[in-house]
């Protein structure tokens, strides 16, 4: 299992385009890929799940991967998130 804390302020608001990019990338990997915050766990492979969540006020979430390709999946997601920085 790999877990990374991430500030999603750079991705706010999560719109359809961002959710589609995140879900498409996460779906390329066989591992479990979730976002955790407060009392919520969101499947990163689900565009609808990403769009339906209210992110925490401090914008900090945990990304967790577990299974085959977990490190590659996390590295790819962190690289994608950096593209949203302005």
N, C-alpha and C. Protein backbone atom coordinates (compact mmCIF):
# COMPACT_ATOMS: atom_id res chain seq x y z
N UNK A 1 0.84 -1.18 0.00
CA UNK A 1 0.00 0.00 0.00
C UNK A 1 0.88 1.24 0.00
N UNK A 2 0.47 2.22 -0.75
CA UNK A 2 1.17 3.52 -0.78
C UNK A 2 0.15 4.61 -0.52
N UNK A 3 0.52 5.54 0.33
CA UNK A 3 -0.38 6.62 0.70
C UNK A 3 0.37 7.94 0.61
N UNK A 4 -0.25 8.94 -0.02
CA UNK A 4 0.34 10.27 -0.17
C UNK A 4 -0.69 11.31 0.23
N UNK A 5 -0.26 12.30 0.99
CA UNK A 5 -1.13 13.43 1.32
C UNK A 5 -0.99 14.45 0.20
N UNK A 6 -2.10 15.04 -0.19
CA UNK A 6 -2.10 15.95 -1.33
C UNK A 6 -3.06 17.10 -1.08
N UNK A 7 -2.62 18.28 -1.43
CA UNK A 7 -3.48 19.46 -1.34
C UNK A 7 -4.12 19.65 -2.71
N UNK A 8 -5.43 19.58 -2.77
CA UNK A 8 -6.15 19.67 -4.05
C UNK A 8 -6.57 21.09 -4.40
N UNK A 9 -6.06 22.06 -3.69
CA UNK A 9 -6.42 23.45 -3.96
C UNK A 9 -6.20 23.80 -5.44
N UNK A 10 -5.14 23.24 -6.02
CA UNK A 10 -4.82 23.54 -7.42
C UNK A 10 -5.83 22.93 -8.40
N UNK A 11 -6.62 21.97 -7.93
CA UNK A 11 -7.59 21.31 -8.80
C UNK A 11 -9.01 21.80 -8.57
N UNK A 12 -9.20 22.75 -7.68
CA UNK A 12 -10.55 23.20 -7.35
C UNK A 12 -11.05 24.22 -8.33
N UNK A 13 -12.28 24.20 -8.69
CA UNK A 13 -13.20 23.11 -8.40
C UNK A 13 -12.92 21.92 -9.31
N UNK A 14 -13.26 20.73 -8.86
CA UNK A 14 -13.09 19.55 -9.72
C UNK A 14 -14.27 19.56 -10.69
N UNK A 15 -13.95 19.87 -11.93
CA UNK A 15 -14.98 19.92 -12.97
C UNK A 15 -14.96 18.63 -13.79
N UNK A 16 -15.79 18.55 -14.82
CA UNK A 16 -15.86 17.33 -15.64
C UNK A 16 -14.54 16.99 -16.30
N UNK A 17 -13.86 18.00 -16.81
CA UNK A 17 -12.59 17.76 -17.51
C UNK A 17 -11.55 17.16 -16.55
N UNK A 18 -11.41 17.76 -15.39
CA UNK A 18 -10.44 17.26 -14.41
C UNK A 18 -10.84 15.86 -13.94
N UNK A 19 -12.11 15.66 -13.62
CA UNK A 19 -12.58 14.35 -13.16
C UNK A 19 -12.34 13.28 -14.22
N UNK A 20 -12.56 13.62 -15.48
CA UNK A 20 -12.35 12.67 -16.56
C UNK A 20 -10.88 12.30 -16.68
N UNK A 21 -10.00 13.27 -16.58
CA UNK A 21 -8.56 12.99 -16.66
C UNK A 21 -8.10 12.11 -15.50
N UNK A 22 -8.56 12.43 -14.30
CA UNK A 22 -8.18 11.66 -13.11
C UNK A 22 -8.71 10.23 -13.20
N UNK A 23 -9.99 10.08 -13.52
CA UNK A 23 -10.60 8.74 -13.59
C UNK A 23 -9.99 7.91 -14.71
N UNK A 24 -9.70 8.52 -15.84
CA UNK A 24 -9.09 7.80 -16.96
C UNK A 24 -7.71 7.30 -16.57
N UNK A 25 -6.92 8.15 -15.95
CA UNK A 25 -5.58 7.74 -15.54
C UNK A 25 -5.65 6.63 -14.49
N UNK A 26 -6.48 6.80 -13.47
CA UNK A 26 -6.60 5.79 -12.41
C UNK A 26 -7.06 4.45 -12.96
N UNK A 27 -7.93 4.48 -13.97
CA UNK A 27 -8.47 3.24 -14.54
C UNK A 27 -7.45 2.46 -15.35
N UNK A 28 -6.36 3.06 -15.69
CA UNK A 28 -5.31 2.37 -16.45
C UNK A 28 -4.54 1.35 -15.60
N UNK A 29 -4.73 1.41 -14.29
CA UNK A 29 -3.97 0.55 -13.38
C UNK A 29 -4.89 -0.45 -12.70
N UNK A 30 -4.34 -1.64 -12.44
CA UNK A 30 -5.11 -2.71 -11.81
C UNK A 30 -5.30 -2.52 -10.31
N UNK A 31 -4.48 -1.69 -9.71
CA UNK A 31 -4.55 -1.51 -8.26
C UNK A 31 -5.80 -0.73 -7.85
N UNK A 32 -6.13 -0.84 -6.58
CA UNK A 32 -7.18 -0.03 -5.98
C UNK A 32 -6.65 1.38 -5.86
N UNK A 33 -7.45 2.37 -6.20
CA UNK A 33 -7.00 3.77 -6.16
C UNK A 33 -8.13 4.60 -5.55
N UNK A 34 -7.91 5.09 -4.33
CA UNK A 34 -8.95 5.84 -3.64
C UNK A 34 -8.43 7.16 -3.08
N UNK A 35 -9.36 8.07 -2.85
CA UNK A 35 -9.08 9.34 -2.19
C UNK A 35 -9.83 9.30 -0.86
N UNK A 36 -9.13 9.63 0.23
CA UNK A 36 -9.73 9.59 1.56
C UNK A 36 -9.68 10.96 2.19
N UNK A 37 -10.77 11.37 2.82
CA UNK A 37 -10.81 12.60 3.59
C UNK A 37 -12.03 12.54 4.51
N UNK A 38 -11.90 13.17 5.67
CA UNK A 38 -12.97 13.15 6.68
C UNK A 38 -13.47 11.72 6.84
N UNK A 39 -14.73 11.49 6.61
CA UNK A 39 -15.30 10.14 6.70
C UNK A 39 -15.66 9.59 5.33
N UNK A 40 -14.98 10.05 4.30
CA UNK A 40 -15.30 9.65 2.93
C UNK A 40 -14.16 8.90 2.28
N UNK A 41 -14.52 7.94 1.46
CA UNK A 41 -13.57 7.23 0.61
C UNK A 41 -14.17 7.26 -0.79
N UNK A 42 -13.40 7.79 -1.74
CA UNK A 42 -13.88 7.95 -3.11
C UNK A 42 -13.01 7.12 -4.05
N UNK A 43 -13.65 6.32 -4.89
CA UNK A 43 -12.96 5.55 -5.90
C UNK A 43 -12.46 6.52 -6.98
N UNK A 44 -11.16 6.61 -7.15
CA UNK A 44 -10.58 7.55 -8.12
C UNK A 44 -10.86 7.13 -9.56
N UNK A 45 -11.33 5.91 -9.76
CA UNK A 45 -11.65 5.43 -11.10
C UNK A 45 -13.07 5.83 -11.51
N UNK A 46 -13.80 6.46 -10.61
CA UNK A 46 -15.19 6.83 -10.87
C UNK A 46 -15.31 8.34 -11.07
N UNK A 47 -15.59 8.74 -12.29
CA UNK A 47 -15.77 10.17 -12.58
C UNK A 47 -16.96 10.72 -11.79
N UNK A 48 -18.03 9.96 -11.73
CA UNK A 48 -19.21 10.39 -10.98
C UNK A 48 -18.89 10.54 -9.49
N UNK A 49 -18.12 9.60 -8.96
CA UNK A 49 -17.72 9.69 -7.56
C UNK A 49 -16.91 10.93 -7.28
N UNK A 50 -16.01 11.26 -8.18
CA UNK A 50 -15.18 12.46 -8.00
C UNK A 50 -16.01 13.73 -8.07
N UNK A 51 -16.96 13.78 -8.98
CA UNK A 51 -17.79 14.98 -9.15
C UNK A 51 -18.80 15.17 -8.02
N UNK A 52 -19.17 14.08 -7.37
CA UNK A 52 -20.24 14.16 -6.37
C UNK A 52 -19.74 14.47 -4.96
N UNK A 53 -18.44 14.58 -4.78
CA UNK A 53 -17.90 14.77 -3.43
C UNK A 53 -17.65 16.23 -3.11
N UNK A 54 -17.93 16.58 -1.88
CA UNK A 54 -17.59 17.89 -1.34
C UNK A 54 -16.21 17.74 -0.70
N UNK A 55 -15.23 18.42 -1.24
CA UNK A 55 -13.88 18.31 -0.69
C UNK A 55 -13.78 19.07 0.62
N UNK A 56 -12.86 18.63 1.48
CA UNK A 56 -12.71 19.31 2.78
C UNK A 56 -12.26 20.75 2.60
N UNK A 57 -12.60 21.58 3.57
CA UNK A 57 -12.28 23.01 3.50
C UNK A 57 -10.78 23.27 3.39
N UNK A 58 -9.96 22.42 4.00
CA UNK A 58 -8.51 22.64 3.93
C UNK A 58 -7.90 22.04 2.66
N UNK A 59 -8.72 21.39 1.84
CA UNK A 59 -8.31 20.84 0.55
C UNK A 59 -7.30 19.71 0.63
N UNK A 60 -6.98 19.22 1.82
CA UNK A 60 -6.00 18.15 1.95
C UNK A 60 -6.70 16.80 2.01
N UNK A 61 -6.25 15.90 1.15
CA UNK A 61 -6.80 14.55 1.09
C UNK A 61 -5.65 13.56 1.07
N UNK A 62 -5.97 12.30 1.31
CA UNK A 62 -4.99 11.23 1.18
C UNK A 62 -5.33 10.44 -0.06
N UNK A 63 -4.34 10.20 -0.90
CA UNK A 63 -4.50 9.30 -2.03
C UNK A 63 -3.88 7.98 -1.61
N UNK A 64 -4.60 6.87 -1.87
CA UNK A 64 -4.08 5.57 -1.47
C UNK A 64 -4.20 4.61 -2.65
N UNK A 65 -3.10 3.93 -2.92
CA UNK A 65 -3.09 2.88 -3.93
C UNK A 65 -2.71 1.58 -3.24
N UNK A 66 -3.27 0.49 -3.73
CA UNK A 66 -2.95 -0.81 -3.15
C UNK A 66 -3.12 -1.88 -4.22
N UNK A 67 -2.06 -2.66 -4.42
CA UNK A 67 -2.13 -3.76 -5.38
C UNK A 67 -1.10 -3.62 -6.48
N UNK A 68 -1.28 -4.40 -7.53
CA UNK A 68 -0.34 -4.42 -8.65
C UNK A 68 -0.23 -3.04 -9.29
N UNK A 69 0.99 -2.55 -9.41
CA UNK A 69 1.24 -1.27 -10.06
C UNK A 69 0.95 -0.06 -9.19
N UNK A 70 0.86 -0.26 -7.88
CA UNK A 70 0.49 0.85 -7.00
C UNK A 70 1.47 2.02 -7.05
N UNK A 71 2.75 1.74 -7.12
CA UNK A 71 3.73 2.84 -7.16
C UNK A 71 3.68 3.59 -8.48
N UNK A 72 3.55 2.86 -9.57
CA UNK A 72 3.46 3.50 -10.88
C UNK A 72 2.18 4.35 -10.98
N UNK A 73 1.10 3.82 -10.44
CA UNK A 73 -0.17 4.55 -10.47
C UNK A 73 -0.08 5.85 -9.68
N UNK A 74 0.52 5.78 -8.49
CA UNK A 74 0.64 6.98 -7.66
C UNK A 74 1.56 8.00 -8.33
N UNK A 75 2.67 7.54 -8.86
CA UNK A 75 3.59 8.46 -9.53
C UNK A 75 2.90 9.16 -10.70
N UNK A 76 2.13 8.41 -11.47
CA UNK A 76 1.42 8.99 -12.62
C UNK A 76 0.39 10.02 -12.15
N UNK A 77 -0.32 9.72 -11.07
CA UNK A 77 -1.34 10.65 -10.58
C UNK A 77 -0.69 11.93 -10.05
N UNK A 78 0.40 11.81 -9.32
CA UNK A 78 1.09 12.99 -8.81
C UNK A 78 1.60 13.86 -9.96
N UNK A 79 2.05 13.21 -11.02
CA UNK A 79 2.50 13.94 -12.21
C UNK A 79 1.33 14.67 -12.88
N UNK A 80 0.18 14.01 -12.96
CA UNK A 80 -1.01 14.65 -13.54
C UNK A 80 -1.43 15.87 -12.71
N UNK A 81 -1.46 15.70 -11.40
CA UNK A 81 -1.88 16.81 -10.52
C UNK A 81 -0.98 18.02 -10.69
N UNK A 82 0.31 17.78 -10.87
CA UNK A 82 1.25 18.90 -11.07
C UNK A 82 0.90 19.71 -12.32
N UNK A 83 0.30 19.07 -13.32
CA UNK A 83 -0.08 19.78 -14.54
C UNK A 83 -1.16 20.81 -14.29
N UNK A 84 -1.93 20.65 -13.21
CA UNK A 84 -3.00 21.60 -12.90
C UNK A 84 -2.49 22.83 -12.18
N UNK A 85 -1.23 22.82 -11.75
CA UNK A 85 -0.68 23.99 -11.08
C UNK A 85 -0.59 25.15 -12.06
N UNK A 86 -0.90 26.32 -11.56
CA UNK A 86 -0.90 27.50 -12.44
C UNK A 86 0.35 28.28 -12.28
